[in-house]
Amino acid sequence: MLPWKTIILIQSNCDLPVYLQIANSIIQEMKRGRVGPGVKLPGTRMMSEILEVHRKTVVRAYEELDAQGWIEMKASKGTFTSRELPETNPRRLSNRVDKLNSFPTQTGFNVRIDNSIRKPVLPQRNINGFHDGPDVRLMPVNELGRTYKSILSRSVNLKYLSYVEIAGVQKFRTVLSDYLNSSRGLQTTSENIMITRGSQLALYLLSIVLFQKGDTVIVGETNYYYADHTFEYVGANLVRVRVDEFGIDVDAIEKICRRKKIKAIYITSHHHYPTTVTLIAARRIKLLSLAEKYGFIIIEDDYDYDFHYMSSPILPLISADQKGMVVYIGTLSKTIAPAIRTGYVVAPSNLILELCRVRQLIDTQGDPIMELALAEMFSDGEIKRHMKKALNEYHRRRDSLASYLSEKLGDCIDFKIPNGGLAIWAKFHKSIPLPPITEKLRSQGVILSNGLIHNTGNLSLNSTRMGFGWMTETEAIHAIDELNKVIRFR
């Protein structure tokens, strides 16, 4: 008999379950040839005594090996190692083809490079800084983990591991519809909602479906960078309109509509990106009236509606849309965590159907299990509890950052305390150029955007978004102190 006690190594301090350690050890010995083909393994009772483990542990190990094809269980005869290893050894395409020593660094064909879109940059979340987004440390990790695991453990949910509804899991769309109806004054059903992997995918799908090359889209003079480039990427022409303290200039939009055909307007009505101003109610009503009169689409991106620190936020335009002119985009990625890629589109059902058709060419479906988990967390009130706690924390962080920023750098930076969102729009004095300042600040371990991404057209704003959501009050004080040193001792 083979020395199974020495062949099979079991480590008590290993995170890998014991049955998998047993199975993996046997596999490794078979690959090495120490345990040959057709060798009879000890019975489960005997092997458990040899290894000094529970018999059920050995049973699970054998079942794992059998499922992978490493052993054969023969009735009344015993358990044997397979005659042929289940792993295949691929053959070369031809003896005349040399083995690839390294992967090519460049393609052998031309690739269209769009230099107008900035290169992907991995955010450095491991260091302190004014990151523009939510603090993942506030996320209900344990609750989400338990719910996700619970859903996977129920056999009735196995069907969700296959292909499901392209628009998203029905249960989640129904729960989300109820939430949007109660929080945003809508009158939707699940048929008016499509779940996407974040709001950016929603924006891209809408651009493909709604726009043709040469269509004109109105955006703010300052605007969300990736929205601009998404529209341009599909061939749309952008017309920029001034944004003041009351939001986008709707009178200017009306003048443009009199001169030329407008296909759509893109707005972030609740907190304009990047300046954080709110589109006032009077302008919202007039914009809806203009959409009906001139036939343009309103794409309303409400990326952070749930983060509002004043008493009652203004309801989105879609809540007053009676003619089906508004397409509404939202996301839970900003509410919970960026890695929770869950955005949504709200629109009349005929548009949702067409979006589903086109989605099949890009992304067949989302994450059904995550959608079920979020549906349950909405239903049991966990998401709402998280939102309330996070809102209170972000409110404190906003006030703390604004107070200390005014104290330390009030003579260098102009800003207004935003009514909501997770960032302050900071206008640095012209004598303090942002790019070199932020570069020096980065060398001190603090991240702040240089603001160049907001300089559309001929703008030279020397302004940036100072995110406060990611930092605790102590972290924010440290970041401002470092910024103050960089500015004062240039």
Protein backbone atom coordinates (compact mmCIF):
# COMPACT_ATOMS: atom_id res chain seq x y z
CA MET A 1 0.00 0.00 0.00
CA LEU A 2 1.16 3.49 -0.82
CA PRO A 3 2.19 5.72 2.11
CA TRP A 4 -0.99 7.79 1.96
CA LYS A 5 -0.23 9.50 5.26
CA THR A 6 2.90 11.12 3.79
CA ILE A 7 1.51 11.55 0.26
CA ILE A 8 -1.56 13.52 1.34
CA LEU A 9 -0.63 16.72 3.12
CA ILE A 10 -3.26 18.33 5.34
CA GLN A 11 -2.61 21.74 6.83
CA SER A 12 -4.79 22.78 9.74
CA ASN A 13 -4.04 26.49 9.25
CA CYS A 14 -4.98 26.45 5.55
CA ASP A 15 -8.08 28.30 4.31
CA LEU A 16 -8.76 25.52 1.80
CA PRO A 17 -11.29 22.93 3.08
CA VAL A 18 -9.71 19.63 4.15
CA TYR A 19 -11.58 17.59 1.54
CA LEU A 20 -10.11 19.78 -1.22
CA GLN A 21 -6.63 19.46 0.28
CA ILE A 22 -7.02 15.67 0.08
CA ALA A 23 -8.32 15.80 -3.48
CA ASN A 24 -5.61 18.20 -4.63
CA SER A 25 -2.85 16.07 -3.07
CA ILE A 26 -4.05 12.97 -4.91
CA ILE A 27 -4.27 14.93 -8.18
CA GLN A 28 -0.71 16.21 -7.79
CA GLU A 29 0.63 12.71 -7.12
CA MET A 30 -1.18 11.38 -10.18
CA LYS A 31 0.35 14.11 -12.33
CA ARG A 32 3.80 13.27 -10.98
CA GLY A 33 3.26 9.58 -11.66
CA ARG A 34 3.70 8.51 -8.07
CA VAL A 35 0.10 7.32 -8.07
CA GLY A 36 -0.33 5.51 -11.35
CA PRO A 37 -3.42 4.79 -13.47
CA GLY A 38 -5.80 2.08 -12.27
CA VAL A 39 -4.51 2.14 -8.69
CA LYS A 40 -7.08 1.11 -6.12
CA LEU A 41 -7.57 3.71 -3.41
CA PRO A 42 -8.32 2.74 0.19
CA GLY A 43 -12.01 2.72 1.06
CA THR A 44 -13.42 5.84 2.64
CA ARG A 45 -13.43 4.31 6.13
CA MET A 46 -9.83 3.13 5.86
CA MET A 47 -8.60 6.36 4.31
CA SER A 48 -10.28 8.37 7.07
CA GLU A 49 -8.47 6.28 9.68
CA ILE A 50 -5.13 6.69 7.87
CA LEU A 51 -5.51 10.45 7.57
CA GLU A 52 -7.24 10.83 10.95
CA VAL A 53 -10.16 12.78 9.51
CA HIS A 54 -13.90 12.24 9.49
CA ARG A 55 -15.16 9.70 6.97
CA LYS A 56 -17.53 12.26 5.42
CA THR A 57 -14.50 14.40 4.60
CA VAL A 58 -12.99 11.55 2.57
CA VAL A 59 -16.35 10.88 0.91
CA ARG A 60 -16.45 14.53 -0.25
CA ALA A 61 -12.86 14.32 -1.48
CA TYR A 62 -13.64 11.20 -3.53
CA GLU A 63 -16.79 12.78 -4.91
CA GLU A 64 -14.75 15.81 -5.99
CA LEU A 65 -12.16 13.61 -7.70
CA ASP A 66 -14.90 11.58 -9.40
CA ALA A 67 -16.64 14.73 -10.63
CA GLN A 68 -13.38 15.97 -12.18
CA GLY A 69 -12.66 12.59 -13.78
CA TRP A 70 -9.57 11.68 -11.75
CA ILE A 71 -11.03 8.49 -10.23
CA GLU A 72 -13.67 5.89 -11.06
CA MET A 73 -16.04 4.47 -8.47
CA LYS A 74 -16.97 0.88 -9.36
CA ALA A 75 -19.83 -0.79 -7.52
CA SER A 76 -18.76 -3.73 -5.32
CA LYS A 77 -15.15 -3.34 -6.48
CA GLY A 78 -13.91 -0.09 -5.01
CA THR A 79 -12.43 3.23 -6.11
CA PHE A 80 -9.65 3.39 -8.73
CA THR A 81 -7.57 6.12 -10.28
CA SER A 82 -8.55 6.76 -13.89
CA ARG A 83 -6.70 4.96 -16.69
CA GLU A 84 -6.25 8.27 -18.48
CA LEU A 85 -5.64 11.64 -16.87
CA PRO A 86 -8.58 14.01 -17.46
CA GLU A 87 -6.24 16.84 -18.47
CA THR A 88 -5.35 17.13 -22.15
CA ASN A 89 -1.95 17.98 -23.59
CA PRO A 90 -2.44 20.24 -26.61
CA ARG A 91 -0.44 19.60 -29.78
CA ARG A 92 1.36 22.20 -31.83
CA LEU A 93 -0.37 23.53 -34.91
CA SER A 94 2.57 22.28 -36.95
CA ASN A 95 6.16 21.18 -36.39
CA ARG A 96 7.13 24.01 -38.70
CA VAL A 97 5.62 26.63 -36.37
CA ASP A 98 7.98 27.82 -33.65
CA LYS A 99 6.72 27.90 -30.09
CA LEU A 100 5.56 31.36 -28.98
CA ASN A 101 8.16 32.72 -26.57
CA SER A 102 6.25 35.89 -25.69
CA PHE A 103 2.95 37.50 -26.53
CA PRO A 104 3.03 40.27 -29.19
CA THR A 105 3.20 43.75 -27.74
CA GLN A 106 1.52 45.35 -30.77
CA THR A 107 -1.07 44.24 -33.31
CA GLY A 108 0.01 43.40 -36.84
CA PHE A 109 -2.87 45.50 -38.16
CA ASN A 110 -3.93 49.11 -37.78
CA VAL A 111 -6.11 50.02 -34.81
CA ARG A 112 -8.19 53.18 -34.83
CA ILE A 113 -6.96 55.35 -31.96
CA ASP A 114 -9.32 57.95 -30.55
CA ASN A 115 -7.01 60.34 -28.74
CA SER A 116 -9.94 62.53 -27.73
CA ILE A 117 -10.81 59.94 -25.10
CA ARG A 118 -8.36 59.89 -22.24
CA LYS A 119 -6.49 56.70 -21.43
CA PRO A 120 -7.96 54.48 -18.70
CA VAL A 121 -6.39 55.34 -15.35
CA LEU A 122 -6.78 53.12 -12.32
CA PRO A 123 -7.87 55.32 -9.39
CA GLN A 124 -5.38 55.19 -6.53
CA ARG A 125 -7.88 54.43 -3.80
CA ASN A 126 -5.21 53.18 -1.43
CA ILE A 127 -4.02 56.70 -0.72
CA ASN A 128 -5.74 59.72 0.76
CA GLY A 129 -7.39 62.23 -1.52
CA PHE A 130 -10.39 64.13 -2.79
CA HIS A 131 -11.82 61.13 -4.69
CA ASP A 132 -15.10 61.91 -6.42
CA GLY A 133 -17.33 59.06 -5.23
CA PRO A 134 -18.79 57.16 -2.29
CA ASP A 135 -16.82 55.66 0.57
CA VAL A 136 -16.94 51.89 0.11
CA ARG A 137 -16.13 51.51 3.82
CA LEU A 138 -19.72 52.57 4.53
CA MET A 139 -21.15 49.85 2.29
CA PRO A 140 -23.24 47.15 4.05
CA VAL A 141 -20.72 44.47 3.06
CA ASN A 142 -21.80 41.79 5.54
CA GLU A 143 -25.49 42.21 4.76
CA LEU A 144 -24.87 42.02 1.01
CA GLY A 145 -22.61 38.98 1.43
CA ARG A 146 -25.17 37.12 3.52
CA THR A 147 -27.99 37.93 1.14
CA TYR A 148 -25.97 36.96 -1.95
CA LYS A 149 -24.91 33.66 -0.36
CA SER A 150 -28.46 32.92 0.80
CA ILE A 151 -29.84 33.43 -2.71
CA LEU A 152 -27.23 31.12 -4.24
CA SER A 153 -28.00 28.42 -1.68
CA ARG A 154 -31.68 28.19 -2.67
CA SER A 155 -32.26 25.62 -5.41
CA VAL A 156 -35.21 27.63 -6.70
CA ASN A 157 -32.75 30.34 -7.77
CA LEU A 158 -30.53 28.08 -9.90
CA LYS A 159 -32.47 29.24 -12.97
CA TYR A 160 -30.94 32.70 -12.47
CA LEU A 161 -27.49 31.27 -13.21
CA SER A 162 -28.66 30.73 -16.78
CA TYR A 163 -29.84 33.34 -19.28
CA VAL A 164 -32.62 35.52 -17.89
CA GLU A 165 -34.52 38.64 -18.91
CA ILE A 166 -32.38 41.04 -20.93
CA ALA A 167 -34.01 44.00 -19.20
CA GLY A 168 -33.03 42.62 -15.79
CA VAL A 169 -34.57 40.32 -13.21
CA GLN A 170 -38.30 40.99 -12.96
CA LYS A 171 -38.30 41.02 -9.15
CA PHE A 172 -35.59 43.67 -9.02
CA ARG A 173 -37.24 45.85 -11.66
CA THR A 174 -40.51 45.68 -9.74
CA VAL A 175 -38.87 46.63 -6.43
CA LEU A 176 -36.86 49.39 -8.11
CA SER A 177 -40.00 50.71 -9.81
CA ASP A 178 -41.76 50.93 -6.44
CA TYR A 179 -38.75 52.74 -4.94
CA LEU A 180 -38.52 55.26 -7.80
CA ASN A 181 -42.27 55.88 -7.67
CA SER A 182 -42.17 56.66 -3.95
CA SER A 183 -38.90 58.63 -3.88
CA ARG A 184 -39.09 60.48 -7.20
CA GLY A 185 -42.81 60.86 -7.83
CA LEU A 186 -42.90 58.57 -10.87
CA GLN A 187 -45.70 56.32 -12.13
CA THR A 188 -43.66 53.45 -13.57
CA THR A 189 -44.02 49.69 -13.75
CA SER A 190 -41.28 47.12 -14.25
CA GLU A 191 -41.89 47.38 -18.01
CA ASN A 192 -40.49 50.92 -17.94
CA ILE A 193 -37.13 49.88 -16.49
CA MET A 194 -34.01 48.25 -17.86
CA ILE A 195 -31.13 47.34 -15.56
CA THR A 196 -27.65 47.98 -16.94
CA ARG A 197 -24.08 47.50 -15.73
CA GLY A 198 -23.79 51.05 -14.46
CA SER A 199 -25.17 54.29 -15.88
CA GLN A 200 -22.35 54.57 -18.44
CA LEU A 201 -23.60 51.48 -20.30
CA ALA A 202 -27.10 52.98 -20.18
CA LEU A 203 -25.76 56.16 -21.76
CA TYR A 204 -23.94 54.25 -24.49
CA LEU A 205 -26.97 52.10 -25.34
CA LEU A 206 -29.18 55.19 -25.55
CA SER A 207 -26.66 56.89 -27.83
CA ILE A 208 -26.63 53.92 -30.21
CA VAL A 209 -30.42 53.63 -30.30
CA LEU A 210 -31.39 57.32 -30.37
CA PHE A 211 -28.68 59.06 -32.39
CA GLN A 212 -27.52 58.96 -35.98
CA LYS A 213 -24.38 60.53 -37.36
CA GLY A 214 -24.83 64.29 -37.64
CA ASP A 215 -27.54 64.61 -34.98
CA THR A 216 -27.20 67.64 -32.72
CA VAL A 217 -27.13 67.18 -28.96
CA ILE A 218 -27.17 70.09 -26.51
CA VAL A 219 -24.99 69.77 -23.40
CA GLY A 220 -23.85 72.15 -20.71
CA GLU A 221 -20.84 74.37 -21.34
CA THR A 222 -19.27 72.35 -18.57
CA ASN A 223 -20.46 68.77 -18.64
CA TYR A 224 -19.79 65.15 -17.74
CA TYR A 225 -16.72 64.21 -19.77
CA TYR A 226 -17.80 60.66 -20.63
CA ALA A 227 -21.27 61.74 -21.73
CA ASP A 228 -19.72 64.21 -24.20
CA HIS A 229 -17.41 61.62 -25.69
CA THR A 230 -20.09 58.93 -25.80
CA PHE A 231 -22.29 61.18 -27.93
CA GLU A 232 -19.40 62.19 -30.16
CA TYR A 233 -18.25 58.59 -30.53
CA VAL A 234 -21.54 57.64 -32.21
CA GLY A 235 -21.33 60.66 -34.54
CA ALA A 236 -23.42 63.29 -32.75
CA ASN A 237 -22.47 66.98 -32.86
CA LEU A 238 -22.41 68.83 -29.55
CA VAL A 239 -23.73 72.33 -28.97
CA ARG A 240 -22.73 73.78 -25.62
CA VAL A 241 -24.98 76.04 -23.55
CA ARG A 242 -24.05 78.22 -20.60
CA VAL A 243 -24.69 76.93 -17.07
CA ASP A 244 -25.20 79.48 -14.30
CA GLU A 245 -26.16 79.25 -10.62
CA PHE A 246 -29.71 78.20 -11.63
CA GLY A 247 -28.64 75.38 -13.93
CA ILE A 248 -28.49 75.17 -17.72
CA ASP A 249 -29.73 78.28 -19.58
CA VAL A 250 -33.09 77.18 -20.99
CA ASP A 251 -33.70 80.50 -22.78
CA ALA A 252 -30.49 79.90 -24.73
CA ILE A 253 -31.76 76.41 -25.61
CA GLU A 254 -34.97 77.92 -26.98
CA LYS A 255 -33.00 80.28 -29.24
CA ILE A 256 -30.99 77.38 -30.62
CA CYS A 257 -34.14 75.38 -31.30
CA ARG A 258 -35.51 78.23 -33.39
CA ARG A 259 -32.44 78.11 -35.63
CA LYS A 260 -31.76 74.39 -36.02
CA LYS A 261 -33.09 70.90 -35.41
CA ILE A 262 -32.08 69.51 -32.03
CA LYS A 263 -32.18 65.77 -31.44
CA ALA A 264 -31.62 65.72 -27.69
CA ILE A 265 -30.41 67.56 -24.62
CA TYR A 266 -28.39 65.92 -21.87
CA ILE A 267 -28.74 67.27 -18.35
CA THR A 268 -27.71 66.35 -14.82
CA SER A 269 -30.59 68.28 -13.32
CA HIS A 270 -30.26 67.51 -9.62
CA HIS A 271 -26.60 68.47 -9.27
CA HIS A 272 -25.04 69.61 -12.52
CA TYR A 273 -21.78 67.87 -13.27
CA PRO A 274 -19.25 69.21 -12.51
CA THR A 275 -20.40 72.50 -10.89
CA THR A 276 -23.05 70.90 -8.55
CA VAL A 277 -25.73 73.59 -9.22
CA THR A 278 -29.38 72.49 -9.25
CA LEU A 279 -31.67 73.19 -12.21
CA ILE A 280 -34.47 75.30 -10.75
CA ALA A 281 -38.11 74.22 -11.08
CA ALA A 282 -39.13 77.04 -13.45
CA ARG A 283 -36.43 76.07 -15.94
CA ARG A 284 -37.40 72.41 -15.68
CA ILE A 285 -41.00 73.16 -16.58
CA LYS A 286 -39.97 75.37 -19.51
CA LEU A 287 -37.52 72.72 -20.75
CA LEU A 288 -40.29 70.11 -20.77
CA SER A 289 -42.49 72.53 -22.71
CA LEU A 290 -39.73 73.13 -25.26
CA ALA A 291 -39.19 69.37 -25.68
CA GLU A 292 -42.86 68.92 -26.52
CA LYS A 293 -42.84 71.90 -28.88
CA TYR A 294 -39.63 71.13 -30.78
CA GLY A 295 -39.61 67.35 -30.41
CA PHE A 296 -36.20 66.88 -28.80
CA ILE A 297 -35.36 64.13 -26.29
CA ILE A 298 -34.35 65.00 -22.73
CA ILE A 299 -31.78 62.60 -21.31
CA GLU A 300 -31.90 63.20 -17.57
CA ASP A 301 -28.91 61.70 -15.76
CA ASP A 302 -29.76 61.73 -12.06
CA TYR A 303 -26.57 60.12 -10.82
CA ASP A 304 -26.76 61.27 -7.17
CA TYR A 305 -30.39 62.13 -6.45
CA ASP A 306 -30.27 60.19 -3.17
CA PHE A 307 -27.60 62.49 -1.73
CA HIS A 308 -29.39 65.74 -0.91
CA TYR A 309 -28.78 67.63 2.32
CA MET A 310 -31.56 70.20 2.22
CA SER A 311 -35.16 69.55 3.26
CA SER A 312 -36.94 68.53 0.04
CA PRO A 313 -35.17 68.03 -3.29
CA ILE A 314 -36.85 69.06 -6.53
CA LEU A 315 -38.40 66.07 -8.27
CA PRO A 316 -36.78 65.04 -11.57
CA LEU A 317 -38.20 66.25 -14.89
CA ILE A 318 -39.50 62.78 -15.71
CA SER A 319 -41.96 63.07 -12.81
CA ALA A 320 -43.84 65.78 -14.77
CA ASP A 321 -43.36 64.31 -18.25
CA GLN A 322 -46.75 63.53 -19.78
CA LYS A 323 -45.65 63.16 -23.42
CA GLY A 324 -42.84 60.63 -23.05
CA MET A 325 -40.04 63.08 -23.93
CA VAL A 326 -37.74 62.25 -21.00
CA VAL A 327 -35.39 59.29 -20.66
CA TYR A 328 -34.15 58.92 -17.09
CA ILE A 329 -30.82 57.37 -16.05
CA GLY A 330 -29.82 56.44 -12.52
CA THR A 331 -27.36 54.22 -10.71
CA LEU A 332 -26.74 52.38 -7.46
CA SER A 333 -23.00 52.42 -8.11
CA LYS A 334 -22.83 55.91 -6.59
CA THR A 335 -25.22 55.04 -3.76
CA ILE A 336 -23.58 51.81 -2.61
CA ALA A 337 -20.18 51.25 -4.25
CA PRO A 338 -18.67 51.69 -7.75
CA ALA A 339 -18.04 47.94 -8.04
CA ILE A 340 -21.79 47.29 -7.75
CA ARG A 341 -22.32 47.84 -11.47
CA THR A 342 -26.05 48.47 -11.32
CA GLY A 343 -27.51 51.31 -13.33
CA TYR A 344 -30.93 51.68 -14.87
CA VAL A 345 -32.90 53.38 -17.62
CA VAL A 346 -36.47 54.56 -17.09
CA ALA A 347 -38.47 55.20 -20.25
CA PRO A 348 -41.68 54.28 -22.10
CA SER A 349 -41.83 50.53 -22.78
CA ASN A 350 -41.28 50.82 -26.55
CA LEU A 351 -37.85 52.39 -25.97
CA ILE A 352 -37.00 49.81 -23.29
CA LEU A 353 -37.79 47.06 -25.81
CA GLU A 354 -35.50 48.58 -28.42
CA LEU A 355 -32.72 49.05 -25.89
CA CYS A 356 -33.04 45.36 -25.03
CA ARG A 357 -32.71 44.42 -28.71
CA VAL A 358 -29.50 46.39 -29.08
CA ARG A 359 -28.12 45.29 -25.72
CA GLN A 360 -27.92 41.73 -27.04
CA LEU A 361 -25.09 42.88 -29.33
CA ILE A 362 -23.05 44.21 -26.40
CA ASP A 363 -24.01 42.61 -23.10
CA THR A 364 -26.61 39.85 -23.02
CA GLN A 365 -27.62 40.48 -19.43
CA GLY A 366 -26.45 41.85 -16.11
CA ASP A 367 -25.77 40.01 -12.85
CA PRO A 368 -29.03 38.24 -11.95
CA ILE A 369 -27.86 37.05 -8.53
CA MET A 370 -26.72 40.54 -7.56
CA GLU A 371 -30.00 41.95 -8.80
CA LEU A 372 -31.91 39.44 -6.65
CA ALA A 373 -29.73 40.32 -3.66
CA LEU A 374 -30.38 44.03 -4.12
CA ALA A 375 -34.10 43.36 -4.54
CA GLU A 376 -34.20 41.56 -1.19
CA MET A 377 -32.17 44.30 0.48
CA PHE A 378 -34.61 46.90 -0.85
CA SER A 379 -37.58 44.84 0.31
CA ASP A 380 -36.27 44.30 3.84
CA GLY A 381 -35.28 47.96 4.16
CA GLU A 382 -31.50 47.40 4.27
CA ILE A 383 -30.73 49.66 1.30
CA LYS A 384 -32.86 52.49 2.67
CA ARG A 385 -31.21 52.17 6.09
CA HIS A 386 -27.80 52.31 4.42
CA MET A 387 -28.81 55.38 2.42
CA LYS A 388 -29.97 57.22 5.53
CA LYS A 389 -26.82 56.42 7.49
CA ALA A 390 -24.56 57.26 4.55
CA LEU A 391 -26.42 60.53 3.91
CA ASN A 392 -25.94 61.64 7.51
CA GLU A 393 -22.25 60.76 7.37
CA TYR A 394 -21.71 62.54 4.04
CA HIS A 395 -23.56 65.58 5.38
CA ARG A 396 -21.11 65.77 8.29
CA ARG A 397 -18.16 65.27 5.95
CA ARG A 398 -19.38 68.02 3.62
CA ASP A 399 -19.78 70.51 6.47
CA SER A 400 -16.41 69.59 7.95
CA LEU A 401 -14.55 69.89 4.65
CA ALA A 402 -16.24 73.18 3.74
CA SER A 403 -15.50 74.70 7.14
CA TYR A 404 -11.84 73.70 7.22
CA LEU A 405 -11.31 74.55 3.56
CA SER A 406 -12.69 78.03 4.15
CA GLU A 407 -10.50 78.45 7.24
CA LYS A 408 -7.27 77.33 5.63
CA LEU A 409 -7.66 78.26 1.96
CA GLY A 410 -10.53 80.73 1.80
CA ASP A 411 -8.19 83.35 0.31
CA CYS A 412 -7.10 80.96 -2.47
CA ILE A 413 -10.25 79.04 -3.43
CA ASP A 414 -13.79 80.19 -4.16
CA PHE A 415 -16.63 77.73 -3.62
CA LYS A 416 -20.23 77.39 -2.57
CA ILE A 417 -21.38 74.63 -0.25
CA PRO A 418 -23.41 72.25 -2.44
CA ASN A 419 -26.92 71.25 -1.48
CA GLY A 420 -26.15 67.63 -2.31
CA GLY A 421 -23.79 65.25 -4.00
CA LEU A 422 -20.33 64.15 -2.89
CA ALA A 423 -18.09 66.97 -4.12
CA ILE A 424 -17.43 70.69 -3.86
CA TRP A 425 -16.79 72.68 -7.05
CA ALA A 426 -13.63 74.61 -6.17
CA LYS A 427 -12.45 77.59 -8.23
CA PHE A 428 -8.74 78.14 -7.62
CA HIS A 429 -7.40 81.66 -8.07
CA LYS A 430 -5.50 82.19 -11.32
CA SER A 431 -2.28 82.68 -9.38
CA ILE A 432 -2.55 79.08 -8.21
CA PRO A 433 -2.39 76.89 -11.36
CA LEU A 434 -3.93 73.53 -10.61
CA PRO A 435 -1.79 71.12 -12.71
CA PRO A 436 1.56 71.76 -10.93
CA ILE A 437 -0.21 72.07 -7.57
CA THR A 438 -1.94 68.71 -7.90
CA GLU A 439 1.24 67.07 -9.16
CA LYS A 440 3.15 68.25 -6.11
CA LEU A 441 0.25 67.22 -3.88
CA ARG A 442 0.29 63.72 -5.37
CA SER A 443 3.96 63.40 -4.41
CA GLN A 444 2.81 64.06 -0.84
CA GLY A 445 0.36 61.17 -1.02
CA VAL A 446 -2.84 63.14 -1.64
CA ILE A 447 -4.90 62.89 -4.81
CA LEU A 448 -6.73 65.88 -6.34
CA SER A 449 -7.84 66.16 -9.96
CA ASN A 450 -6.03 68.89 -11.91
CA GLY A 451 -9.38 69.91 -13.41
CA LEU A 452 -8.21 69.81 -17.03
CA ILE A 453 -10.92 67.27 -17.82
CA HIS A 454 -13.50 70.02 -17.26
CA ASN A 455 -11.92 72.46 -19.75
CA THR A 456 -14.25 71.94 -22.71
CA GLY A 457 -13.79 73.98 -25.86
CA ASN A 458 -11.76 77.10 -25.13
CA LEU A 459 -12.48 77.08 -21.40
CA SER A 460 -9.60 77.43 -18.97
CA LEU A 461 -11.37 77.17 -15.65
CA ASN A 462 -8.58 76.33 -13.20
CA SER A 463 -11.34 74.60 -11.22
CA THR A 464 -11.90 71.10 -9.97
CA ARG A 465 -14.21 68.85 -7.98
CA MET A 466 -13.03 68.23 -4.43
CA GLY A 467 -14.71 65.02 -3.37
CA PHE A 468 -15.51 64.63 0.30
CA GLY A 469 -17.43 61.34 0.24
CA TRP A 470 -14.36 59.12 0.35
CA MET A 471 -12.66 60.80 3.34
CA THR A 472 -13.43 60.79 7.03
CA GLU A 473 -13.26 64.18 8.75
CA THR A 474 -9.75 63.38 10.03
CA GLU A 475 -8.58 62.33 6.56
CA ALA A 476 -10.05 65.49 5.04
CA ILE A 477 -8.22 67.71 7.52
CA HIS A 478 -4.95 65.98 6.66
CA ALA A 479 -5.59 66.38 2.92
CA ILE A 480 -6.37 70.09 3.25
CA ASP A 481 -3.30 70.62 5.43
CA GLU A 482 -1.13 69.03 2.75
CA LEU A 483 -2.79 71.14 0.04
CA ASN A 484 -2.27 74.25 2.14
CA LYS A 485 1.46 73.47 2.48
CA VAL A 486 1.84 72.91 -1.25
CA ILE A 487 0.12 76.22 -2.06
CA ARG A 488 1.81 78.33 0.61
CA PHE A 489 5.34 77.02 0.15
CA ARG A 490 5.65 76.78 -3.61
